[in-house]
């Protein structure tokens, strides 16, 4: 199994992910090669919580315009990423650096 800190890249903090914290669901960007079992083990090891379920989705990169590029096609393809939605046991919370970014 890969190292836990290499599996979980960063938390996804958006309006939608913050509202899902009421149901004990947290979103993370994870390594594209990580499986659900790897993600579950990494979250449990890093944050010392009990994970009930892991859902993953591959988010395709957007095509963005970059007008600083002086070429015929000034567009950039952002890379694909893998996102994991982790459901925790009732009563468990995740705090990052002493600050709970997921609660408003």
PDB file of N, CA and C in Angstrom:
ATOM      1  N   UNK A   1       0.842  -1.182   0.000  1.00  0.00           N
ATOM      2  CA  UNK A   1       0.000   0.000   0.000  1.00  0.00           C
ATOM      3  C   UNK A   1       0.887   1.246   0.000  1.00  0.00           C
ATOM      4  N   UNK A   2       0.544   2.272  -0.796  1.00  0.00           N
ATOM      5  CA  UNK A   2       1.339   3.485  -0.829  1.00  0.00           C
ATOM      6  C   UNK A   2       1.256   4.252   0.495  1.00  0.00           C
ATOM      7  N   UNK A   3       2.184   5.174   0.666  1.00  0.00           N
ATOM      8  CA  UNK A   3       2.200   5.999   1.866  1.00  0.00           C
ATOM      9  C   UNK A   3       0.934   6.852   1.926  1.00  0.00           C
ATOM     10  N   UNK A   4       0.379   7.004   3.117  1.00  0.00           N
ATOM     11  CA  UNK A   4      -0.913   7.684   3.286  1.00  0.00           C
ATOM     12  C   UNK A   4      -0.896   9.125   2.802  1.00  0.00           C
ATOM     13  N   UNK A   5       0.198   9.829   3.066  1.00  0.00           N
ATOM     14  CA  UNK A   5       0.267  11.242   2.668  1.00  0.00           C
ATOM     15  C   UNK A   5       0.381  11.403   1.157  1.00  0.00           C
ATOM     16  N   UNK A   6       0.775  10.368   0.448  1.00  0.00           N
ATOM     17  CA  UNK A   6       0.835  10.437  -1.016  1.00  0.00           C
ATOM     18  C   UNK A   6      -0.505  10.079  -1.650  1.00  0.00           C
ATOM     19  N   UNK A   7      -1.355   9.374  -0.915  1.00  0.00           N
ATOM     20  CA  UNK A   7      -2.673   9.005  -1.443  1.00  0.00           C
ATOM     21  C   UNK A   7      -3.605  10.208  -1.397  1.00  0.00           C
ATOM     22  N   UNK A   8      -3.684  10.863  -0.248  1.00  0.00           N
ATOM     23  CA  UNK A   8      -4.559  12.024  -0.083  1.00  0.00           C
ATOM     24  C   UNK A   8      -3.754  13.269  -0.424  1.00  0.00           C
ATOM     25  N   UNK A   9      -4.170  13.979  -1.471  1.00  0.00           N
ATOM     26  CA  UNK A   9      -3.424  15.147  -1.924  1.00  0.00           C
ATOM     27  C   UNK A   9      -3.861  16.401  -1.175  1.00  0.00           C
ATOM     28  N   UNK A  10      -5.168  16.703  -1.195  1.00  0.00           N
ATOM     29  CA  UNK A  10      -5.676  17.895  -0.507  1.00  0.00           C
ATOM     30  C   UNK A  10      -7.189  17.780  -0.330  1.00  0.00           C
ATOM     31  N   UNK A  11      -7.737  18.511   0.636  1.00  0.00           N
ATOM     32  CA  UNK A  11      -9.195  18.528   0.768  1.00  0.00           C
ATOM     33  C   UNK A  11      -9.811  19.429  -0.300  1.00  0.00           C
ATOM     34  N   UNK A  12     -11.016  19.098  -0.696  1.00  0.00           N
ATOM     35  CA  UNK A  12     -11.760  19.929  -1.638  1.00  0.00           C
ATOM     36  C   UNK A  12     -12.729  20.757  -0.804  1.00  0.00           C
ATOM     37  N   UNK A  13     -12.504  22.067  -0.747  1.00  0.00           N
ATOM     38  CA  UNK A  13     -13.346  22.953   0.058  1.00  0.00           C
ATOM     39  C   UNK A  13     -14.122  23.849  -0.897  1.00  0.00           C
ATOM     40  N   UNK A  14     -15.372  23.472  -1.159  1.00  0.00           N
ATOM     41  CA  UNK A  14     -16.281  24.244  -1.996  1.00  0.00           C
ATOM     42  C   UNK A  14     -17.597  24.379  -1.251  1.00  0.00           C
ATOM     43  N   UNK A  15     -18.515  25.157  -1.801  1.00  0.00           N
ATOM     44  CA  UNK A  15     -19.824  25.300  -1.156  1.00  0.00           C
ATOM     45  C   UNK A  15     -20.510  23.949  -1.008  1.00  0.00           C
ATOM     46  N   UNK A  16     -20.446  23.161  -2.056  1.00  0.00           N
ATOM     47  CA  UNK A  16     -21.117  21.866  -2.038  1.00  0.00           C
ATOM     48  C   UNK A  16     -20.486  20.925  -1.020  1.00  0.00           C
ATOM     49  N   UNK A  17     -19.157  20.890  -0.959  1.00  0.00           N
ATOM     50  CA  UNK A  17     -18.502  19.984  -0.011  1.00  0.00           C
ATOM     51  C   UNK A  17     -18.737  20.428   1.428  1.00  0.00           C
ATOM     52  N   UNK A  18     -18.832  21.727   1.665  1.00  0.00           N
ATOM     53  CA  UNK A  18     -19.086  22.223   3.018  1.00  0.00           C
ATOM     54  C   UNK A  18     -20.506  21.880   3.458  1.00  0.00           C
ATOM     55  N   UNK A  19     -21.477  21.929   2.558  1.00  0.00           N
ATOM     56  CA  UNK A  19     -22.847  21.583   2.936  1.00  0.00           C
ATOM     57  C   UNK A  19     -22.992  20.093   3.219  1.00  0.00           C
ATOM     58  N   UNK A  20     -22.163  19.264   2.585  1.00  0.00           N
ATOM     59  CA  UNK A  20     -22.242  17.819   2.812  1.00  0.00           C
ATOM     60  C   UNK A  20     -21.650  17.394   4.153  1.00  0.00           C
ATOM     61  N   UNK A  21     -20.973  18.309   4.841  1.00  0.00           N
ATOM     62  CA  UNK A  21     -20.410  17.943   6.145  1.00  0.00           C
ATOM     63  C   UNK A  21     -21.502  17.700   7.174  1.00  0.00           C
ATOM     64  N   UNK A  22     -22.701  18.208   6.932  1.00  0.00           N
ATOM     65  CA  UNK A  22     -23.820  17.935   7.839  1.00  0.00           C
ATOM     66  C   UNK A  22     -24.155  16.448   7.844  1.00  0.00           C
ATOM     67  N   UNK A  23     -23.905  15.760   6.729  1.00  0.00           N
ATOM     68  CA  UNK A  23     -24.120  14.310   6.643  1.00  0.00           C
ATOM     69  C   UNK A  23     -22.833  13.535   6.873  1.00  0.00           C
ATOM     70  N   UNK A  24     -21.799  14.172   7.418  1.00  0.00           N
ATOM     71  CA  UNK A  24     -20.494  13.564   7.699  1.00  0.00           C
ATOM     72  C   UNK A  24     -19.816  13.069   6.423  1.00  0.00           C
ATOM     73  N   UNK A  25     -19.931  13.837   5.340  1.00  0.00           N
ATOM     74  CA  UNK A  25     -19.262  13.511   4.088  1.00  0.00           C
ATOM     75  C   UNK A  25     -18.224  14.586   3.779  1.00  0.00           C
ATOM     76  N   UNK A  26     -16.999  14.147   3.474  1.00  0.00           N
ATOM     77  CA  UNK A  26     -15.897  15.053   3.188  1.00  0.00           C
ATOM     78  C   UNK A  26     -15.298  14.689   1.836  1.00  0.00           C
ATOM     79  N   UNK A  27     -14.838  15.698   1.095  1.00  0.00           N
ATOM     80  CA  UNK A  27     -14.286  15.479  -0.241  1.00  0.00           C
ATOM     81  C   UNK A  27     -12.785  15.752  -0.236  1.00  0.00           C
ATOM     82  N   UNK A  28     -12.036  14.890  -0.938  1.00  0.00           N
ATOM     83  CA  UNK A  28     -10.588  15.019  -1.030  1.00  0.00           C
ATOM     84  C   UNK A  28     -10.146  14.736  -2.458  1.00  0.00           C
ATOM     85  N   UNK A  29      -9.099  15.454  -2.904  1.00  0.00           N
ATOM     86  CA  UNK A  29      -8.408  15.072  -4.128  1.00  0.00           C
ATOM     87  C   UNK A  29      -7.429  13.978  -3.744  1.00  0.00           C
ATOM     88  N   UNK A  30      -7.427  12.886  -4.507  1.00  0.00           N
ATOM     89  CA  UNK A  30      -6.562  11.756  -4.196  1.00  0.00           C
ATOM     90  C   UNK A  30      -5.738  11.396  -5.424  1.00  0.00           C
ATOM     91  N   UNK A  31      -4.745  10.567  -5.229  1.00  0.00           N
ATOM     92  CA  UNK A  31      -3.899  10.089  -6.313  1.00  0.00           C
ATOM     93  C   UNK A  31      -4.759   9.312  -7.311  1.00  0.00           C
ATOM     94  N   UNK A  32      -4.494   9.495  -8.582  1.00  0.00           N
ATOM     95  CA  UNK A  32      -5.303   8.864  -9.628  1.00  0.00           C
ATOM     96  C   UNK A  32      -5.217   7.343  -9.598  1.00  0.00           C
ATOM     97  N   UNK A  33      -4.128   6.795  -9.043  1.00  0.00           N
ATOM     98  CA  UNK A  33      -3.958   5.337  -8.997  1.00  0.00           C
ATOM     99  C   UNK A  33      -4.507   4.720  -7.717  1.00  0.00           C
ATOM    100  N   UNK A  34      -4.971   5.548  -6.774  1.00  0.00           N
ATOM    101  CA  UNK A  34      -5.435   5.052  -5.477  1.00  0.00           C
ATOM    102  C   UNK A  34      -6.791   4.362  -5.620  1.00  0.00           C
ATOM    103  N   UNK A  35      -6.944   3.252  -4.914  1.00  0.00           N
ATOM    104  CA  UNK A  35      -8.217   2.550  -4.888  1.00  0.00           C
ATOM    105  C   UNK A  35      -9.018   3.019  -3.685  1.00  0.00           C
ATOM    106  N   UNK A  36     -10.261   2.555  -3.604  1.00  0.00           N
ATOM    107  CA  UNK A  36     -11.109   2.930  -2.475  1.00  0.00           C
ATOM    108  C   UNK A  36     -10.529   2.410  -1.162  1.00  0.00           C
ATOM    109  N   UNK A  37      -9.939   1.250  -1.200  1.00  0.00           N
ATOM    110  CA  UNK A  37      -9.325   0.691   0.019  1.00  0.00           C
ATOM    111  C   UNK A  37      -8.120   1.512   0.456  1.00  0.00           C
ATOM    112  N   UNK A  38      -7.315   1.980  -0.505  1.00  0.00           N
ATOM    113  CA  UNK A  38      -6.178   2.833  -0.175  1.00  0.00           C
ATOM    114  C   UNK A  38      -6.650   4.141   0.457  1.00  0.00           C
ATOM    115  N   UNK A  39      -7.699   4.737  -0.127  1.00  0.00           N
ATOM    116  CA  UNK A  39      -8.222   6.009   0.384  1.00  0.00           C
ATOM    117  C   UNK A  39      -8.774   5.821   1.800  1.00  0.00           C
ATOM    118  N   UNK A  40      -9.518   4.751   2.017  1.00  0.00           N
ATOM    119  CA  UNK A  40     -10.091   4.489   3.344  1.00  0.00           C
ATOM    120  C   UNK A  40      -8.989   4.334   4.391  1.00  0.00           C
ATOM    121  N   UNK A  41      -7.984   3.554   4.082  1.00  0.00           N
ATOM    122  CA  UNK A  41      -6.890   3.332   5.030  1.00  0.00           C
ATOM    123  C   UNK A  41      -6.123   4.627   5.299  1.00  0.00           C
ATOM    124  N   UNK A  42      -5.901   5.420   4.263  1.00  0.00           N
ATOM    125  CA  UNK A  42      -5.150   6.663   4.427  1.00  0.00           C
ATOM    126  C   UNK A  42      -5.909   7.668   5.285  1.00  0.00           C
ATOM    127  N   UNK A  43      -7.208   7.827   5.047  1.00  0.00           N
ATOM    128  CA  UNK A  43      -8.015   8.774   5.833  1.00  0.00           C
ATOM    129  C   UNK A  43      -8.078   8.331   7.285  1.00  0.00           C
ATOM    130  N   UNK A  44      -8.279   7.044   7.518  1.00  0.00           N
ATOM    131  CA  UNK A  44      -8.337   6.548   8.898  1.00  0.00           C
ATOM    132  C   UNK A  44      -7.005   6.743   9.616  1.00  0.00           C
ATOM    133  N   UNK A  45      -5.886   6.565   8.901  1.00  0.00           N
ATOM    134  CA  UNK A  45      -4.573   6.721   9.525  1.00  0.00           C
ATOM    135  C   UNK A  45      -4.235   8.187   9.794  1.00  0.00           C
ATOM    136  N   UNK A  46      -4.528   9.060   8.835  1.00  0.00           N
ATOM    137  CA  UNK A  46      -4.149  10.468   8.970  1.00  0.00           C
ATOM    138  C   UNK A  46      -5.015  11.192   9.996  1.00  0.00           C
ATOM    139  N   UNK A  47      -6.333  11.030   9.914  1.00  0.00           N
ATOM    140  CA  UNK A  47      -7.249  11.819  10.736  1.00  0.00           C
ATOM    141  C   UNK A  47      -7.800  11.082  11.951  1.00  0.00           C
ATOM    142  N   UNK A  48      -7.467   9.807  12.118  1.00  0.00           N
ATOM    143  CA  UNK A  48      -7.920   9.009  13.279  1.00  0.00           C
ATOM    144  C   UNK A  48      -9.442   9.018  13.414  1.00  0.00           C
ATOM    145  N   UNK A  49     -10.124   8.711  12.307  1.00  0.00           N
ATOM    146  CA  UNK A  49     -11.584   8.608  12.274  1.00  0.00           C
ATOM    147  C   UNK A  49     -11.966   7.265  11.675  1.00  0.00           C
ATOM    148  N   UNK A  50     -13.238   6.902  11.771  1.00  0.00           N
ATOM    149  CA  UNK A  50     -13.745   5.656  11.214  1.00  0.00           C
ATOM    150  C   UNK A  50     -14.501   5.975   9.922  1.00  0.00           C
ATOM    151  N   UNK A  51     -14.024   5.423   8.809  1.00  0.00           N
ATOM    152  CA  UNK A  51     -14.633   5.645   7.499  1.00  0.00           C
ATOM    153  C   UNK A  51     -15.638   4.533   7.221  1.00  0.00           C
ATOM    154  N   UNK A  52     -16.863   4.923   6.883  1.00  0.00           N
ATOM    155  CA  UNK A  52     -17.894   3.938   6.557  1.00  0.00           C
ATOM    156  C   UNK A  52     -17.937   3.620   5.065  1.00  0.00           C
ATOM    157  N   UNK A  53     -17.765   4.655   4.223  1.00  0.00           N
ATOM    158  CA  UNK A  53     -17.912   4.456   2.782  1.00  0.00           C
ATOM    159  C   UNK A  53     -17.031   5.441   2.028  1.00  0.00           C
ATOM    160  N   UNK A  54     -16.529   5.012   0.869  1.00  0.00           N
ATOM    161  CA  UNK A  54     -15.725   5.868  -0.007  1.00  0.00           C
ATOM    162  C   UNK A  54     -16.305   5.787  -1.411  1.00  0.00           C
ATOM    163  N   UNK A  55     -16.639   6.937  -1.977  1.00  0.00           N
ATOM    164  CA  UNK A  55     -17.071   7.033  -3.367  1.00  0.00           C
ATOM    165  C   UNK A  55     -16.010   7.817  -4.122  1.00  0.00           C
ATOM    166  N   UNK A  56     -15.639   7.348  -5.314  1.00  0.00           N
ATOM    167  CA  UNK A  56     -14.629   8.050  -6.100  1.00  0.00           C
ATOM    168  C   UNK A  56     -15.195   8.433  -7.462  1.00  0.00           C
ATOM    169  N   UNK A  57     -14.641   9.514  -8.011  1.00  0.00           N
ATOM    170  CA  UNK A  57     -15.044   9.975  -9.334  1.00  0.00           C
ATOM    171  C   UNK A  57     -13.822  10.605  -9.997  1.00  0.00           C
ATOM    172  N   UNK A  58     -13.653  10.352 -11.298  1.00  0.00           N
ATOM    173  CA  UNK A  58     -12.585  10.989 -12.058  1.00  0.00           C
ATOM    174  C   UNK A  58     -13.148  12.260 -12.667  1.00  0.00           C
ATOM    175  N   UNK A  59     -12.562  13.393 -12.293  1.00  0.00           N
ATOM    176  CA  UNK A  59     -12.998  14.696 -12.786  1.00  0.00           C
ATOM    177  C   UNK A  59     -12.105  15.057 -13.961  1.00  0.00           C
ATOM    178  N   UNK A  60     -12.715  15.226 -15.114  1.00  0.00           N
ATOM    179  CA  UNK A  60     -11.947  15.542 -16.317  1.00  0.00           C
ATOM    180  C   UNK A  60     -11.536  17.009 -16.299  1.00  0.00           C
ATOM    181  N   UNK A  61     -10.314  17.271 -16.754  1.00  0.00           N
ATOM    182  CA  UNK A  61      -9.781  18.629 -16.764  1.00  0.00           C
ATOM    183  C   UNK A  61     -10.500  19.518 -17.763  1.00  0.00           C
ATOM    184  N   UNK A  62     -10.635  20.781 -17.383  1.00  0.00           N
ATOM    185  CA  UNK A  62     -11.315  21.740 -18.251  1.00  0.00           C
ATOM    186  C   UNK A  62     -10.340  22.304 -19.284  1.00  0.00           C
ATOM    187  N   UNK A  63     -10.925  22.793 -20.357  1.00  0.00           N
ATOM    188  CA  UNK A  63     -10.154  23.502 -21.373  1.00  0.00           C
ATOM    189  C   UNK A  63     -10.302  24.985 -21.060  1.00  0.00           C
ATOM    190  N   UNK A  64      -9.182  25.659 -20.839  1.00  0.00           N
ATOM    191  CA  UNK A  64      -9.212  27.076 -20.477  1.00  0.00           C
ATOM    192  C   UNK A  64      -8.458  27.883 -21.521  1.00  0.00           C
ATOM    193  N   UNK A  65      -8.891  29.120 -21.689  1.00  0.00           N
ATOM    194  CA  UNK A  65      -8.219  30.025 -22.629  1.00  0.00           C
ATOM    195  C   UNK A  65      -7.118  30.772 -21.899  1.00  0.00           C
ATOM    196  N   UNK A  66      -5.959  30.835 -22.510  1.00  0.00           N
ATOM    197  CA  UNK A  66      -4.826  31.569 -21.979  1.00  0.00           C
ATOM    198  C   UNK A  66      -4.369  32.536 -23.057  1.00  0.00           C
ATOM    199  N   UNK A  67      -4.803  33.781 -22.942  1.00  0.00           N
ATOM    200  CA  UNK A  67      -4.523  34.756 -23.990  1.00  0.00           C
ATOM    201  C   UNK A  67      -3.072  35.245 -23.972  1.00  0.00           C
ATOM    202  N   UNK A  68      -2.300  34.845 -22.966  1.00  0.00           N
ATOM    203  CA  UNK A  68      -0.881  35.199 -22.942  1.00  0.00           C
ATOM    204  C   UNK A  68      -0.091  34.378 -23.952  1.00  0.00           C
ATOM    205  N   UNK A  69      -0.669  33.250 -24.371  1.00  0.00           N
ATOM    206  CA  UNK A  69       0.016  32.407 -25.359  1.00  0.00           C
ATOM    207  C   UNK A  69      -0.221  32.996 -26.741  1.00  0.00           C
ATOM    208  N   UNK A  70       0.836  33.304 -27.427  1.00  0.00           N
ATOM    209  CA  UNK A  70       0.742  33.914 -28.762  1.00  0.00           C
ATOM    210  C   UNK A  70       0.806  32.827 -29.831  1.00  0.00           C
ATOM    211  N   UNK A  71      -0.162  31.931 -29.811  1.00  0.00           N
ATOM    212  CA  UNK A  71      -0.196  30.851 -30.792  1.00  0.00           C
ATOM    213  C   UNK A  71      -1.559  30.837 -31.459  1.00  0.00           C
ATOM    214  N   UNK A  72      -1.717  29.930 -32.387  1.00  0.00           N
ATOM    215  CA  UNK A  72      -2.998  29.810 -33.073  1.00  0.00           C
ATOM    216  C   UNK A  72      -4.089  29.266 -32.154  1.00  0.00           C
ATOM    217  N   UNK A  73      -3.685  28.443 -31.191  1.00  0.00           N
ATOM    218  CA  UNK A  73      -4.653  27.850 -30.266  1.00  0.00           C
ATOM    219  C   UNK A  73      -4.270  28.222 -28.832  1.00  0.00           C
ATOM    220  N   UNK A  74      -4.785  29.337 -28.331  1.00  0.00           N
ATOM    221  CA  UNK A  74      -4.397  29.763 -26.983  1.00  0.00           C
ATOM    222  C   UNK A  74      -5.208  29.070 -25.886  1.00  0.00           C
ATOM    223  N   UNK A  75      -5.339  27.763 -25.954  1.00  0.00           N
ATOM    224  CA  UNK A  75      -6.077  27.038 -24.924  1.00  0.00           C
ATOM    225  C   UNK A  75      -5.152  26.053 -24.221  1.00  0.00           C
ATOM    226  N   UNK A  76      -5.480  25.795 -22.974  1.00  0.00           N
ATOM    227  CA  UNK A  76      -4.708  24.880 -22.143  1.00  0.00           C
ATOM    228  C   UNK A  76      -5.659  23.814 -21.617  1.00  0.00           C
ATOM    229  N   UNK A  77      -5.257  22.570 -21.700  1.00  0.00           N
ATOM    230  CA  UNK A  77      -6.040  21.470 -21.133  1.00  0.00           C
ATOM    231  C   UNK A  77      -5.530  21.201 -19.725  1.00  0.00           C
ATOM    232  N   UNK A  78      -6.377  21.451 -18.720  1.00  0.00           N
ATOM    233  CA  UNK A  78      -5.980  21.167 -17.349  1.00  0.00           C
ATOM    234  C   UNK A  78      -5.986  19.660 -17.130  1.00  0.00           C
ATOM    235  N   UNK A  79      -5.149  19.165 -16.237  1.00  0.00           N
ATOM    236  CA  UNK A  79      -5.061  17.720 -16.047  1.00  0.00           C
ATOM    237  C   UNK A  79      -6.291  17.142 -15.356  1.00  0.00           C
ATOM    238  N   UNK A  80      -6.552  15.862 -15.626  1.00  0.00           N
ATOM    239  CA  UNK A  80      -7.635  15.154 -14.939  1.00  0.00           C
ATOM    240  C   UNK A  80      -7.223  14.917 -13.493  1.00  0.00           C
ATOM    241  N   UNK A  81      -8.219  14.749 -12.621  1.00  0.00           N
ATOM    242  CA  UNK A  81      -7.928  14.471 -11.218  1.00  0.00           C
ATOM    243  C   UNK A  81      -8.957  13.485 -10.687  1.00  0.00           C
ATOM    244  N   UNK A  82      -8.645  12.881  -9.567  1.00  0.00           N
ATOM    245  CA  UNK A  82      -9.552  11.916  -8.957  1.00  0.00           C
ATOM    246  C   UNK A  82     -10.017  12.489  -7.627  1.00  0.00           C
ATOM    247  N   UNK A  83     -11.319  12.446  -7.411  1.00  0.00           N
ATOM    248  CA  UNK A  83     -11.906  12.991  -6.199  1.00  0.00           C
ATOM    249  C   UNK A  83     -12.571  11.864  -5.423  1.00  0.00           C
ATOM    250  N   UNK A  84     -12.405  11.878  -4.104  1.00  0.00           N
ATOM    251  CA  UNK A  84     -13.019  10.870  -3.248  1.00  0.00           C
ATOM    252  C   UNK A  84     -13.941  11.561  -2.260  1.00  0.00           C
ATOM    253  N   UNK A  85     -15.167  11.066  -2.152  1.00  0.00           N
ATOM    254  CA  UNK A  85     -16.110  11.539  -1.153  1.00  0.00           C
ATOM    255  C   UNK A  85     -16.153  10.478  -0.064  1.00  0.00           C
ATOM    256  N   UNK A  86     -15.760  10.872   1.135  1.00  0.00           N
ATOM    257  CA  UNK A  86     -15.599   9.946   2.251  1.00  0.00           C
ATOM    258  C   UNK A  86     -16.723  10.174   3.248  1.00  0.00           C
ATOM    259  N   UNK A  87     -17.442   9.108   3.602  1.00  0.00           N
ATOM    260  CA  UNK A  87     -18.493   9.187   4.603  1.00  0.00           C
ATOM    261  C   UNK A  87     -17.954   8.638   5.914  1.00  0.00           C
ATOM    262  N   UNK A  88     -18.065   9.445   6.973  1.00  0.00           N
ATOM    263  CA  UNK A  88     -17.542   9.072   8.279  1.00  0.00           C
ATOM    264  C   UNK A  88     -18.649   8.568   9.195  1.00  0.00           C
ATOM    265  N   UNK A  89     -18.223   7.912  10.272  1.00  0.00           N
ATOM    266  CA  UNK A  89     -19.150   7.463  11.307  1.00  0.00           C
ATOM    267  C   UNK A  89     -19.786   8.692  11.953  1.00  0.00           C
ATOM    268  N   UNK A  90     -21.027   8.562  12.397  1.00  0.00           N
ATOM    269  CA  UNK A  90     -21.748   9.661  13.032  1.00  0.00           C
ATOM    270  C   UNK A  90     -20.960  10.162  14.246  1.00  0.00           C
ATOM    271  N   UNK A  91     -20.741  11.466  14.317  1.00  0.00           N
ATOM    272  CA  UNK A  91     -20.015  12.047  15.442  1.00  0.00           C
ATOM    273  C   UNK A  91     -18.555  12.318  15.163  1.00  0.00           C
ATOM    274  N   UNK A  92     -17.965  11.707  14.129  1.00  0.00           N
ATOM    275  CA  UNK A  92     -16.565  11.957  13.775  1.00  0.00           C
ATOM    276  C   UNK A  92     -16.473  13.222  12.925  1.00  0.00           C
ATOM    277  N   UNK A  93     -15.396  13.989  13.124  1.00  0.00           N
ATOM    278  CA  UNK A  93     -15.153  15.201  12.345  1.00  0.00           C
ATOM    279  C   UNK A  93     -13.697  15.217  11.909  1.00  0.00           C
ATOM    280  N   UNK A  94     -13.433  15.966  10.841  1.00  0.00           N
ATOM    281  CA  UNK A  94     -12.071  16.143  10.352  1.00  0.00           C
ATOM    282  C   UNK A  94     -11.712  17.611  10.505  1.00  0.00           C
ATOM    283  N   UNK A  95     -10.612  17.881  11.206  1.00  0.00           N
ATOM    284  CA  UNK A  95     -10.099  19.236  11.352  1.00  0.00           C
ATOM    285  C   UNK A  95      -8.693  19.271  10.762  1.00  0.00           C
ATOM    286  N   UNK A  96      -8.399  20.319  10.016  1.00  0.00           N
ATOM    287  CA  UNK A  96      -7.105  20.467   9.351  1.00  0.00           C
ATOM    288  C   UNK A  96      -6.303  21.575  10.005  1.00  0.00           C
ATOM    289  N   UNK A  97      -5.214  21.232  10.656  1.00  0.00           N
ATOM    290  CA  UNK A  97      -4.357  22.230  11.280  1.00  0.00           C
ATOM    291  C   UNK A  97      -5.031  22.992  12.400  1.00  0.00           C
ATOM    292  N   UNK A  98      -5.915  22.344  13.138  1.00  0.00           N
ATOM    293  CA  UNK A  98      -6.612  23.015  14.232  1.00  0.00           C
ATOM    294  C   UNK A  98      -7.801  23.834  13.773  1.00  0.00           C
ATOM    295  N   UNK A  99      -7.988  23.976  12.460  1.00  0.00           N
ATOM    296  CA  UNK A  99      -9.090  24.752  11.921  1.00  0.00           C
ATOM    297  C   UNK A  99      -9.993  23.814  11.136  1.00  0.00           C
ATOM    298  N   UNK A 100     -11.291  23.892  11.387  1.00  0.00           N
ATOM    299  CA  UNK A 100     -12.219  23.047  10.667  1.00  0.00           C
ATOM    300  C   UNK A 100     -12.693  23.818   9.440  1.00  0.00           C
ATOM    301  N   UNK A 101     -12.045  23.602   8.289  1.00  0.00           N
ATOM    302  CA  UNK A 101     -12.375  24.302   7.073  1.00  0.00           C
ATOM    303  C   UNK A 101     -13.747  23.882   6.534  1.00  0.00           C
ATOM    304  N   UNK A 102     -14.210  22.740   6.947  1.00  0.00           N
ATOM    305  CA  UNK A 102     -15.448  22.216   6.378  1.00  0.00           C
ATOM    306  C   UNK A 102     -16.690  22.793   7.024  1.00  0.00           C
ATOM    307  N   UNK A 103     -16.566  23.388   8.200  1.00  0.00           N
ATOM    308  CA  UNK A 103     -17.729  23.987   8.852  1.00  0.00           C
ATOM    309  C   UNK A 103     -17.657  25.485   8.735  1.00  0.00           C
ATOM    310  N   UNK A 104     -18.782  26.089   8.438  1.00  0.00           N
ATOM    311  CA  UNK A 104     -18.804  27.550   8.276  1.00  0.00           C
ATOM    312  C   UNK A 104     -19.177  28.244   9.564  1.00  0.00           C
TER     313      UNK A 104
END
